[in-house]
Amino acid sequence: MTFDGILAEVRKKAESIDASGVDFLAVQVNITGENGGVFYVEIKNGKISIEPYPYNDRSCEITISGDNFLKLINGKLDAVAAFTLGKLKVGGDVGKALEFSKLLKK
């Protein structure tokens, strides 16, 4: 899938997430591979924004292949298992990355 396709899937998934209990969370997602790219997910005052840019003031960043990221957001790959197996790398606050993964499961 292309980077734009991945971004469209993330935006579609965001529509179904209830982030009302989250004050602030900013996650930069680095997609590796042939159709890779960078985007960020920001949750501020319960509202989700997704933009195709790096986020300098992020809480954390995750690096993952496009295929594995799609599996992650569709519930077919557990974030902790992906991290343990080296399929997902986390930079910054690991607790915030875990919070992000819990939101994806909702």
PDB file of N, CA and C in Angstrom:
ATOM      1  N   MET A   1       0.847  -1.180   0.000  1.00  0.00           N
ATOM      2  CA  MET A   1       0.000   0.000   0.000  1.00  0.00           C
ATOM      3  C   MET A   1       0.892   1.241   0.000  1.00  0.00           C
ATOM      4  N   THR A   2       0.434   2.271  -0.660  1.00  0.00           N
ATOM      5  CA  THR A   2       1.196   3.519  -0.727  1.00  0.00           C
ATOM      6  C   THR A   2       1.133   4.255   0.615  1.00  0.00           C
ATOM      7  N   PHE A   3       2.027   5.217   0.772  1.00  0.00           N
ATOM      8  CA  PHE A   3       2.021   6.030   1.988  1.00  0.00           C
ATOM      9  C   PHE A   3       0.690   6.769   2.125  1.00  0.00           C
ATOM     10  N   ASP A   4       0.183   7.321   1.025  1.00  0.00           N
ATOM     11  CA  ASP A   4      -1.108   8.029   1.074  1.00  0.00           C
ATOM     12  C   ASP A   4      -2.239   7.085   1.472  1.00  0.00           C
ATOM     13  N   GLY A   5      -2.152   5.837   1.030  1.00  0.00           N
ATOM     14  CA  GLY A   5      -3.148   4.842   1.411  1.00  0.00           C
ATOM     15  C   GLY A   5      -3.094   4.547   2.902  1.00  0.00           C
ATOM     16  N   ILE A   6      -1.888   4.444   3.435  1.00  0.00           N
ATOM     17  CA  ILE A   6      -1.715   4.220   4.878  1.00  0.00           C
ATOM     18  C   ILE A   6      -2.286   5.396   5.656  1.00  0.00           C
ATOM     19  N   LEU A   7      -1.996   6.600   5.195  1.00  0.00           N
ATOM     20  CA  LEU A   7      -2.510   7.805   5.848  1.00  0.00           C
ATOM     21  C   LEU A   7      -4.039   7.823   5.834  1.00  0.00           C
ATOM     22  N   ALA A   8      -4.637   7.418   4.724  1.00  0.00           N
ATOM     23  CA  ALA A   8      -6.099   7.356   4.620  1.00  0.00           C
ATOM     24  C   ALA A   8      -6.671   6.333   5.611  1.00  0.00           C
ATOM     25  N   GLU A   9      -5.993   5.200   5.767  1.00  0.00           N
ATOM     26  CA  GLU A   9      -6.441   4.181   6.724  1.00  0.00           C
ATOM     27  C   GLU A   9      -6.365   4.701   8.155  1.00  0.00           C
ATOM     28  N   VAL A  10      -5.311   5.442   8.462  1.00  0.00           N
ATOM     29  CA  VAL A  10      -5.158   6.001   9.811  1.00  0.00           C
ATOM     30  C   VAL A  10      -6.271   7.008  10.085  1.00  0.00           C
ATOM     31  N   ARG A  11      -6.559   7.841   9.117  1.00  0.00           N
ATOM     32  CA  ARG A  11      -7.631   8.838   9.301  1.00  0.00           C
ATOM     33  C   ARG A  11      -8.983   8.157   9.477  1.00  0.00           C
ATOM     34  N   LYS A  12      -9.210   7.086   8.736  1.00  0.00           N
ATOM     35  CA  LYS A  12     -10.460   6.323   8.865  1.00  0.00           C
ATOM     36  C   LYS A  12     -10.562   5.710  10.260  1.00  0.00           C
ATOM     37  N   LYS A  13      -9.466   5.128  10.733  1.00  0.00           N
ATOM     38  CA  LYS A  13      -9.440   4.532  12.073  1.00  0.00           C
ATOM     39  C   LYS A  13      -9.672   5.601  13.143  1.00  0.00           C
ATOM     40  N   ALA A  14      -9.112   6.786  12.951  1.00  0.00           N
ATOM     41  CA  ALA A  14      -9.243   7.868  13.936  1.00  0.00           C
ATOM     42  C   ALA A  14     -10.694   8.276  14.147  1.00  0.00           C
ATOM     43  N   GLU A  15     -11.514   8.127  13.120  1.00  0.00           N
ATOM     44  CA  GLU A  15     -12.932   8.493  13.241  1.00  0.00           C
ATOM     45  C   GLU A  15     -13.656   7.643  14.276  1.00  0.00           C
ATOM     46  N   SER A  16     -13.168   6.424  14.510  1.00  0.00           N
ATOM     47  CA  SER A  16     -13.853   5.514  15.427  1.00  0.00           C
ATOM     48  C   SER A  16     -13.239   5.504  16.836  1.00  0.00           C
ATOM     49  N   ILE A  17     -12.206   6.300  17.062  1.00  0.00           N
ATOM     50  CA  ILE A  17     -11.524   6.307  18.362  1.00  0.00           C
ATOM     51  C   ILE A  17     -12.109   7.388  19.264  1.00  0.00           C
ATOM     52  N   ASP A  18     -12.426   6.990  20.491  1.00  0.00           N
ATOM     53  CA  ASP A  18     -12.873   7.955  21.491  1.00  0.00           C
ATOM     54  C   ASP A  18     -11.658   8.405  22.286  1.00  0.00           C
ATOM     55  N   ALA A  19     -11.198   9.612  22.018  1.00  0.00           N
ATOM     56  CA  ALA A  19     -10.019  10.149  22.693  1.00  0.00           C
ATOM     57  C   ALA A  19     -10.396  11.210  23.722  1.00  0.00           C
ATOM     58  N   SER A  20     -11.638  11.175  24.176  1.00  0.00           N
ATOM     59  CA  SER A  20     -12.119  12.221  25.084  1.00  0.00           C
ATOM     60  C   SER A  20     -11.360  12.270  26.406  1.00  0.00           C
ATOM     61  N   GLY A  21     -10.759  11.176  26.838  1.00  0.00           N
ATOM     62  CA  GLY A  21     -10.032  11.172  28.103  1.00  0.00           C
ATOM     63  C   GLY A  21      -8.566  11.552  27.986  1.00  0.00           C
ATOM     64  N   VAL A  22      -8.123  11.934  26.790  1.00  0.00           N
ATOM     65  CA  VAL A  22      -6.717  12.249  26.559  1.00  0.00           C
ATOM     66  C   VAL A  22      -6.545  13.759  26.441  1.00  0.00           C
ATOM     67  N   ASP A  23      -5.719  14.341  27.316  1.00  0.00           N
ATOM     68  CA  ASP A  23      -5.460  15.777  27.249  1.00  0.00           C
ATOM     69  C   ASP A  23      -4.499  16.113  26.112  1.00  0.00           C
ATOM     70  N   PHE A  24      -3.355  15.392  26.080  1.00  0.00           N
ATOM     71  CA  PHE A  24      -2.373  15.656  25.026  1.00  0.00           C
ATOM     72  C   PHE A  24      -1.520  14.415  24.784  1.00  0.00           C
ATOM     73  N   LEU A  25      -1.369  14.089  23.514  1.00  0.00           N
ATOM     74  CA  LEU A  25      -0.500  13.001  23.091  1.00  0.00           C
ATOM     75  C   LEU A  25      -0.088  13.301  21.661  1.00  0.00           C
ATOM     76  N   ALA A  26       1.203  13.290  21.398  1.00  0.00           N
ATOM     77  CA  ALA A  26       1.708  13.534  20.047  1.00  0.00           C
ATOM     78  C   ALA A  26       2.681  12.419  19.689  1.00  0.00           C
ATOM     79  N   VAL A  27       2.319  11.659  18.669  1.00  0.00           N
ATOM     80  CA  VAL A  27       3.123  10.516  18.253  1.00  0.00           C
ATOM     81  C   VAL A  27       3.533  10.705  16.798  1.00  0.00           C
ATOM     82  N   GLN A  28       4.828  10.664  16.561  1.00  0.00           N
ATOM     83  CA  GLN A  28       5.320  10.690  15.186  1.00  0.00           C
ATOM     84  C   GLN A  28       5.466   9.238  14.750  1.00  0.00           C
ATOM     85  N   VAL A  29       4.956   8.930  13.559  1.00  0.00           N
ATOM     86  CA  VAL A  29       5.028   7.579  13.029  1.00  0.00           C
ATOM     87  C   VAL A  29       5.939   7.599  11.807  1.00  0.00           C
ATOM     88  N   ASN A  30       6.997   6.810  11.883  1.00  0.00           N
ATOM     89  CA  ASN A  30       7.950   6.682  10.775  1.00  0.00           C
ATOM     90  C   ASN A  30       7.670   5.350  10.083  1.00  0.00           C
ATOM     91  N   ILE A  31       7.161   5.408   8.875  1.00  0.00           N
ATOM     92  CA  ILE A  31       6.883   4.204   8.104  1.00  0.00           C
ATOM     93  C   ILE A  31       8.115   3.895   7.259  1.00  0.00           C
ATOM     94  N   THR A  32       8.637   2.687   7.430  1.00  0.00           N
ATOM     95  CA  THR A  32       9.830   2.279   6.686  1.00  0.00           C
ATOM     96  C   THR A  32       9.432   1.494   5.444  1.00  0.00           C
ATOM     97  N   GLY A  33      10.381   1.314   4.570  1.00  0.00           N
ATOM     98  CA  GLY A  33      10.142   0.501   3.386  1.00  0.00           C
ATOM     99  C   GLY A  33       9.965   1.347   2.142  1.00  0.00           C
ATOM    100  N   GLU A  34       9.631   0.675   1.061  1.00  0.00           N
ATOM    101  CA  GLU A  34       9.531   1.306  -0.254  1.00  0.00           C
ATOM    102  C   GLU A  34       8.532   2.458  -0.296  1.00  0.00           C
ATOM    103  N   ASN A  35       7.395   2.305   0.356  1.00  0.00           N
ATOM    104  CA  ASN A  35       6.366   3.350   0.363  1.00  0.00           C
ATOM    105  C   ASN A  35       6.339   4.085   1.698  1.00  0.00           C
ATOM    106  N   GLY A  36       7.502   4.273   2.283  1.00  0.00           N
ATOM    107  CA  GLY A  36       7.596   4.878   3.601  1.00  0.00           C
ATOM    108  C   GLY A  36       7.360   6.378   3.608  1.00  0.00           C
ATOM    109  N   GLY A  37       7.292   6.909   4.796  1.00  0.00           N
ATOM    110  CA  GLY A  37       7.089   8.339   4.993  1.00  0.00           C
ATOM    111  C   GLY A  37       6.924   8.619   6.475  1.00  0.00           C
ATOM    112  N   VAL A  38       6.631   9.855   6.797  1.00  0.00           N
ATOM    113  CA  VAL A  38       6.483  10.289   8.183  1.00  0.00           C
ATOM    114  C   VAL A  38       5.167  11.029   8.325  1.00  0.00           C
ATOM    115  N   PHE A  39       4.446  10.726   9.401  1.00  0.00           N
ATOM    116  CA  PHE A  39       3.260  11.514   9.740  1.00  0.00           C
ATOM    117  C   PHE A  39       3.151  11.549  11.254  1.00  0.00           C
ATOM    118  N   TYR A  40       2.252  12.395  11.741  1.00  0.00           N
ATOM    119  CA  TYR A  40       2.050  12.434  13.181  1.00  0.00           C
ATOM    120  C   TYR A  40       0.573  12.368  13.512  1.00  0.00           C
ATOM    121  N   VAL A  41       0.339  11.861  14.706  1.00  0.00           N
ATOM    122  CA  VAL A  41      -1.001  11.815  15.278  1.00  0.00           C
ATOM    123  C   VAL A  41      -0.934  12.649  16.546  1.00  0.00           C
ATOM    124  N   GLU A  42      -1.753  13.681  16.595  1.00  0.00           N
ATOM    125  CA  GLU A  42      -1.805  14.537  17.782  1.00  0.00           C
ATOM    126  C   GLU A  42      -3.204  14.462  18.368  1.00  0.00           C
ATOM    127  N   ILE A  43      -3.248  14.216  19.658  1.00  0.00           N
ATOM    128  CA  ILE A  43      -4.517  14.263  20.372  1.00  0.00           C
ATOM    129  C   ILE A  43      -4.395  15.394  21.377  1.00  0.00           C
ATOM    130  N   LYS A  44      -5.256  16.374  21.194  1.00  0.00           N
ATOM    131  CA  LYS A  44      -5.222  17.550  22.067  1.00  0.00           C
ATOM    132  C   LYS A  44      -6.655  17.850  22.485  1.00  0.00           C
ATOM    133  N   ASN A  45      -6.878  17.842  23.794  1.00  0.00           N
ATOM    134  CA  ASN A  45      -8.208  18.085  24.351  1.00  0.00           C
ATOM    135  C   ASN A  45      -9.251  17.145  23.748  1.00  0.00           C
ATOM    136  N   GLY A  46      -8.856  15.885  23.538  1.00  0.00           N
ATOM    137  CA  GLY A  46      -9.780  14.872  23.041  1.00  0.00           C
ATOM    138  C   GLY A  46     -10.013  14.868  21.549  1.00  0.00           C
ATOM    139  N   LYS A  47      -9.359  15.753  20.808  1.00  0.00           N
ATOM    140  CA  LYS A  47      -9.532  15.816  19.352  1.00  0.00           C
ATOM    141  C   LYS A  47      -8.290  15.270  18.661  1.00  0.00           C
ATOM    142  N   ILE A  48      -8.500  14.470  17.620  1.00  0.00           N
ATOM    143  CA  ILE A  48      -7.400  13.821  16.919  1.00  0.00           C
ATOM    144  C   ILE A  48      -7.100  14.551  15.616  1.00  0.00           C
ATOM    145  N   SER A  49      -5.818  14.854  15.409  1.00  0.00           N
ATOM    146  CA  SER A  49      -5.338  15.444  14.153  1.00  0.00           C
ATOM    147  C   SER A  49      -4.262  14.522  13.592  1.00  0.00           C
ATOM    148  N   ILE A  50      -4.283  14.337  12.283  1.00  0.00           N
ATOM    149  CA  ILE A  50      -3.288  13.504  11.614  1.00  0.00           C
ATOM    150  C   ILE A  50      -2.756  14.294  10.431  1.00  0.00           C
ATOM    151  N   GLU A  51      -1.438  14.505  10.417  1.00  0.00           N
ATOM    152  CA  GLU A  51      -0.824  15.306   9.360  1.00  0.00           C
ATOM    153  C   GLU A  51       0.430  14.617   8.827  1.00  0.00           C
ATOM    154  N   PRO A  52       0.695  14.746   7.534  1.00  0.00           N
ATOM    155  CA  PRO A  52       1.860  14.086   6.928  1.00  0.00           C
ATOM    156  C   PRO A  52       3.158  14.880   7.065  1.00  0.00           C
ATOM    157  N   TYR A  53       3.518  15.193   8.301  1.00  0.00           N
ATOM    158  CA  TYR A  53       4.728  15.951   8.574  1.00  0.00           C
ATOM    159  C   TYR A  53       5.408  15.392   9.813  1.00  0.00           C
ATOM    160  N   PRO A  54       6.704  15.647   9.982  1.00  0.00           N
ATOM    161  CA  PRO A  54       7.364  15.329  11.259  1.00  0.00           C
ATOM    162  C   PRO A  54       6.809  16.240  12.359  1.00  0.00           C
ATOM    163  N   TYR A  55       6.872  15.800  13.590  1.00  0.00           N
ATOM    164  CA  TYR A  55       6.379  16.565  14.729  1.00  0.00           C
ATOM    165  C   TYR A  55       7.549  16.756  15.688  1.00  0.00           C
ATOM    166  N   ASN A  56       8.056  17.963  15.774  1.00  0.00           N
ATOM    167  CA  ASN A  56       9.252  18.239  16.563  1.00  0.00           C
ATOM    168  C   ASN A  56       9.048  18.117  18.070  1.00  0.00           C
ATOM    169  N   ASP A  57       7.873  18.451  18.553  1.00  0.00           N
ATOM    170  CA  ASP A  57       7.614  18.455  19.988  1.00  0.00           C
ATOM    171  C   ASP A  57       6.790  17.235  20.396  1.00  0.00           C
ATOM    172  N   ARG A  58       7.167  16.077  19.884  1.00  0.00           N
ATOM    173  CA  ARG A  58       6.386  14.857  20.076  1.00  0.00           C
ATOM    174  C   ARG A  58       6.618  14.234  21.455  1.00  0.00           C
ATOM    175  N   SER A  59       5.630  13.449  21.889  1.00  0.00           N
ATOM    176  CA  SER A  59       5.750  12.681  23.128  1.00  0.00           C
ATOM    177  C   SER A  59       6.628  11.461  22.896  1.00  0.00           C
ATOM    178  N   CYS A  60       6.493  10.871  21.701  1.00  0.00           N
ATOM    179  CA  CYS A  60       7.292   9.704  21.337  1.00  0.00           C
ATOM    180  C   CYS A  60       7.226   9.530  19.829  1.00  0.00           C
ATOM    181  N   GLU A  61       8.035   8.621  19.332  1.00  0.00           N
ATOM    182  CA  GLU A  61       7.959   8.277  17.924  1.00  0.00           C
ATOM    183  C   GLU A  61       8.056   6.776  17.789  1.00  0.00           C
ATOM    184  N   ILE A  62       7.330   6.252  16.807  1.00  0.00           N
ATOM    185  CA  ILE A  62       7.424   4.828  16.533  1.00  0.00           C
ATOM    186  C   ILE A  62       7.900   4.650  15.099  1.00  0.00           C
ATOM    187  N   THR A  63       8.673   3.607  14.895  1.00  0.00           N
ATOM    188  CA  THR A  63       9.183   3.271  13.577  1.00  0.00           C
ATOM    189  C   THR A  63       8.745   1.846  13.282  1.00  0.00           C
ATOM    190  N   ILE A  64       8.090   1.674  12.134  1.00  0.00           N
ATOM    191  CA  ILE A  64       7.484   0.388  11.801  1.00  0.00           C
ATOM    192  C   ILE A  64       7.282   0.319  10.292  1.00  0.00           C
ATOM    193  N   SER A  65       7.231  -0.886   9.737  1.00  0.00           N
ATOM    194  CA  SER A  65       6.959  -1.016   8.302  1.00  0.00           C
ATOM    195  C   SER A  65       5.487  -0.715   8.031  1.00  0.00           C
ATOM    196  N   GLY A  66       5.184  -0.360   6.812  1.00  0.00           N
ATOM    197  CA  GLY A  66       3.806  -0.054   6.435  1.00  0.00           C
ATOM    198  C   GLY A  66       2.873  -1.222   6.660  1.00  0.00           C
ATOM    199  N   ASP A  67       3.293  -2.427   6.258  1.00  0.00           N
ATOM    200  CA  ASP A  67       2.456  -3.618   6.442  1.00  0.00           C
ATOM    201  C   ASP A  67       2.172  -3.877   7.918  1.00  0.00           C
ATOM    202  N   ASN A  68       3.208  -3.789   8.734  1.00  0.00           N
ATOM    203  CA  ASN A  68       3.014  -4.030  10.163  1.00  0.00           C
ATOM    204  C   ASN A  68       2.183  -2.942  10.819  1.00  0.00           C
ATOM    205  N   PHE A  69       2.300  -1.698  10.359  1.00  0.00           N
ATOM    206  CA  PHE A  69       1.484  -0.629  10.927  1.00  0.00           C
ATOM    207  C   PHE A  69       0.005  -0.858  10.617  1.00  0.00           C
ATOM    208  N   LEU A  70      -0.286  -1.285   9.390  1.00  0.00           N
ATOM    209  CA  LEU A  70      -1.676  -1.590   9.041  1.00  0.00           C
ATOM    210  C   LEU A  70      -2.216  -2.731   9.895  1.00  0.00           C
ATOM    211  N   LYS A  71      -1.393  -3.741  10.135  1.00  0.00           N
ATOM    212  CA  LYS A  71      -1.806  -4.837  11.018  1.00  0.00           C
ATOM    213  C   LYS A  71      -2.053  -4.314  12.432  1.00  0.00           C
ATOM    214  N   LEU A  72      -1.214  -3.402  12.881  1.00  0.00           N
ATOM    215  CA  LEU A  72      -1.341  -2.822  14.216  1.00  0.00           C
ATOM    216  C   LEU A  72      -2.653  -2.064  14.371  1.00  0.00           C
ATOM    217  N   ILE A  73      -2.979  -1.192  13.419  1.00  0.00           N
ATOM    218  CA  ILE A  73      -4.201  -0.385  13.567  1.00  0.00           C
ATOM    219  C   ILE A  73      -5.468  -1.197  13.316  1.00  0.00           C
ATOM    220  N   ASN A  74      -5.328  -2.351  12.658  1.00  0.00           N
ATOM    221  CA  ASN A  74      -6.489  -3.204  12.416  1.00  0.00           C
ATOM    222  C   ASN A  74      -6.624  -4.330  13.435  1.00  0.00           C
ATOM    223  N   GLY A  75      -5.795  -4.293  14.487  1.00  0.00           N
ATOM    224  CA  GLY A  75      -5.907  -5.263  15.560  1.00  0.00           C
ATOM    225  C   GLY A  75      -5.322  -6.629  15.263  1.00  0.00           C
ATOM    226  N   LYS A  76      -4.536  -6.749  14.211  1.00  0.00           N
ATOM    227  CA  LYS A  76      -3.955  -8.038  13.843  1.00  0.00           C
ATOM    228  C   LYS A  76      -2.516  -8.199  14.337  1.00  0.00           C
ATOM    229  N   LEU A  77      -1.981  -7.154  14.964  1.00  0.00           N
ATOM    230  CA  LEU A  77      -0.638  -7.190  15.526  1.00  0.00           C
ATOM    231  C   LEU A  77      -0.660  -6.440  16.849  1.00  0.00           C
ATOM    232  N   ASP A  78      -0.243  -7.118  17.900  1.00  0.00           N
ATOM    233  CA  ASP A  78      -0.192  -6.506  19.222  1.00  0.00           C
ATOM    234  C   ASP A  78       1.059  -5.633  19.323  1.00  0.00           C
ATOM    235  N   ALA A  79       0.902  -4.429  19.835  1.00  0.00           N
ATOM    236  CA  ALA A  79       2.021  -3.481  19.910  1.00  0.00           C
ATOM    237  C   ALA A  79       3.159  -3.996  20.789  1.00  0.00           C
ATOM    238  N   VAL A  80       2.829  -4.595  21.919  1.00  0.00           N
ATOM    239  CA  VAL A  80       3.867  -5.098  22.817  1.00  0.00           C
ATOM    240  C   VAL A  80       4.621  -6.249  22.155  1.00  0.00           C
ATOM    241  N   ALA A  81       3.893  -7.143  21.498  1.00  0.00           N
ATOM    242  CA  ALA A  81       4.532  -8.256  20.792  1.00  0.00           C
ATOM    243  C   ALA A  81       5.411  -7.724  19.662  1.00  0.00           C
ATOM    244  N   ALA A  82       4.915  -6.735  18.916  1.00  0.00           N
ATOM    245  CA  ALA A  82       5.688  -6.151  17.817  1.00  0.00           C
ATOM    246  C   ALA A  82       6.975  -5.517  18.342  1.00  0.00           C
ATOM    247  N   PHE A  83       6.885  -4.836  19.475  1.00  0.00           N
ATOM    248  CA  PHE A  83       8.062  -4.221  20.090  1.00  0.00           C
ATOM    249  C   PHE A  83       9.058  -5.298  20.523  1.00  0.00           C
ATOM    250  N   THR A  84       8.545  -6.333  21.168  1.00  0.00           N
ATOM    251  CA  THR A  84       9.392  -7.417  21.661  1.00  0.00           C
ATOM    252  C   THR A  84      10.099  -8.146  20.515  1.00  0.00           C
ATOM    253  N   LEU A  85       9.397  -8.324  19.398  1.00  0.00           N
ATOM    254  CA  LEU A  85       9.964  -9.026  18.243  1.00  0.00           C
ATOM    255  C   LEU A  85      10.824  -8.134  17.351  1.00  0.00           C
ATOM    256  N   GLY A  86      10.908  -6.836  17.689  1.00  0.00           N
ATOM    257  CA  GLY A  86      11.728  -5.916  16.907  1.00  0.00           C
ATOM    258  C   GLY A  86      11.039  -5.388  15.658  1.00  0.00           C
ATOM    259  N   LYS A  87       9.732  -5.604  15.541  1.00  0.00           N
ATOM    260  CA  LYS A  87       8.981  -5.103  14.386  1.00  0.00           C
ATOM    261  C   LYS A  87       8.579  -3.645  14.566  1.00  0.00           C
ATOM    262  N   LEU A  88       8.673  -3.160  15.797  1.00  0.00           N
ATOM    263  CA  LEU A  88       8.282  -1.794  16.144  1.00  0.00           C
ATOM    264  C   LEU A  88       9.358  -1.234  17.058  1.00  0.00           C
ATOM    265  N   LYS A  89       9.836  -0.055  16.728  1.00  0.00           N
ATOM    266  CA  LYS A  89      10.831   0.610  17.569  1.00  0.00           C
ATOM    267  C   LYS A  89      10.212   1.871  18.138  1.00  0.00           C
ATOM    268  N   VAL A  90      10.562   2.187  19.379  1.00  0.00           N
ATOM    269  CA  VAL A  90      10.008   3.354  20.056  1.00  0.00           C
ATOM    270  C   VAL A  90      11.139   4.276  20.464  1.00  0.00           C
ATOM    271  N   GLY A  91      10.968   5.561  20.177  1.00  0.00           N
ATOM    272  CA  GLY A  91      11.883   6.588  20.641  1.00  0.00           C
ATOM    273  C   GLY A  91      11.112   7.535  21.531  1.00  0.00           C
ATOM    274  N   GLY A  92      11.719   7.973  22.593  1.00  0.00           N
ATOM    275  CA  GLY A  92      11.035   8.890  23.501  1.00  0.00           C
ATOM    276  C   GLY A  92      10.321   8.137  24.609  1.00  0.00           C
ATOM    277  N   ASP A  93       9.176   8.632  25.009  1.00  0.00           N
ATOM    278  CA  ASP A  93       8.419   8.107  26.147  1.00  0.00           C
ATOM    279  C   ASP A  93       7.681   6.821  25.772  1.00  0.00           C
ATOM    280  N   VAL A  94       8.183   5.691  26.251  1.00  0.00           N
ATOM    281  CA  VAL A  94       7.567   4.396  25.947  1.00  0.00           C
ATOM    282  C   VAL A  94       6.159   4.324  26.527  1.00  0.00           C
ATOM    283  N   GLY A  95       5.924   4.971  27.655  1.00  0.00           N
ATOM    284  CA  GLY A  95       4.587   5.003  28.257  1.00  0.00           C
ATOM    285  C   GLY A  95       3.570   5.662  27.336  1.00  0.00           C
ATOM    286  N   LYS A  96       3.980   6.723  26.654  1.00  0.00           N
ATOM    287  CA  LYS A  96       3.089   7.401  25.704  1.00  0.00           C
ATOM    288  C   LYS A  96       2.817   6.510  24.490  1.00  0.00           C
ATOM    289  N   ALA A  97       3.829   5.745  24.071  1.00  0.00           N
ATOM    290  CA  ALA A  97       3.625   4.804  22.960  1.00  0.00           C
ATOM    291  C   ALA A  97       2.619   3.731  23.359  1.00  0.00           C
ATOM    292  N   LEU A  98       2.690   3.279  24.593  1.00  0.00           N
ATOM    293  CA  LEU A  98       1.747   2.289  25.094  1.00  0.00           C
ATOM    294  C   LEU A  98       0.337   2.883  25.165  1.00  0.00           C
ATOM    295  N   GLU A  99       0.236   4.127  25.593  1.00  0.00           N
ATOM    296  CA  GLU A  99      -1.059   4.822  25.634  1.00  0.00           C
ATOM    297  C   GLU A  99      -1.653   4.909  24.224  1.00  0.00           C
ATOM    298  N   PHE A 100      -0.801   5.212  23.242  1.00  0.00           N
ATOM    299  CA  PHE A 100      -1.221   5.280  21.843  1.00  0.00           C
ATOM    300  C   PHE A 100      -1.726   3.918  21.371  1.00  0.00           C
ATOM    301  N   SER A 101      -1.030   2.856  21.713  1.00  0.00           N
ATOM    302  CA  SER A 101      -1.447   1.515  21.286  1.00  0.00           C
ATOM    303  C   SER A 101      -2.775   1.117  21.913  1.00  0.00           C
ATOM    304  N   LYS A 102      -3.021   1.558  23.153  1.00  0.00           N
ATOM    305  CA  LYS A 102      -4.305   1.259  23.803  1.00  0.00           C
ATOM    306  C   LYS A 102      -5.447   1.980  23.098  1.00  0.00           C
ATOM    307  N   LEU A 103      -5.185   3.189  22.628  1.00  0.00           N
ATOM    308  CA  LEU A 103      -6.219   3.920  21.880  1.00  0.00           C
ATOM    309  C   LEU A 103      -6.567   3.188  20.583  1.00  0.00           C
ATOM    310  N   LEU A 104      -5.574   2.600  19.946  1.00  0.00           N
ATOM    311  CA  LEU A 104      -5.816   1.878  18.706  1.00  0.00           C
ATOM    312  C   LEU A 104      -6.689   0.652  18.899  1.00  0.00           C
ATOM    313  N   LYS A 105      -6.674   0.089  20.099  1.00  0.00           N
ATOM    314  CA  LYS A 105      -7.462  -1.108  20.379  1.00  0.00           C
ATOM    315  C   LYS A 105      -8.919  -0.805  20.623  1.00  0.00           C
ATOM    316  N   LYS A 106      -9.247   0.448  20.863  1.00  0.00           N
ATOM    317  CA  LYS A 106     -10.647   0.816  21.159  1.00  0.00           C
ATOM    318  C   LYS A 106     -11.500   0.768  19.912  1.00  0.00           C
TER     319      LYS A 106
END
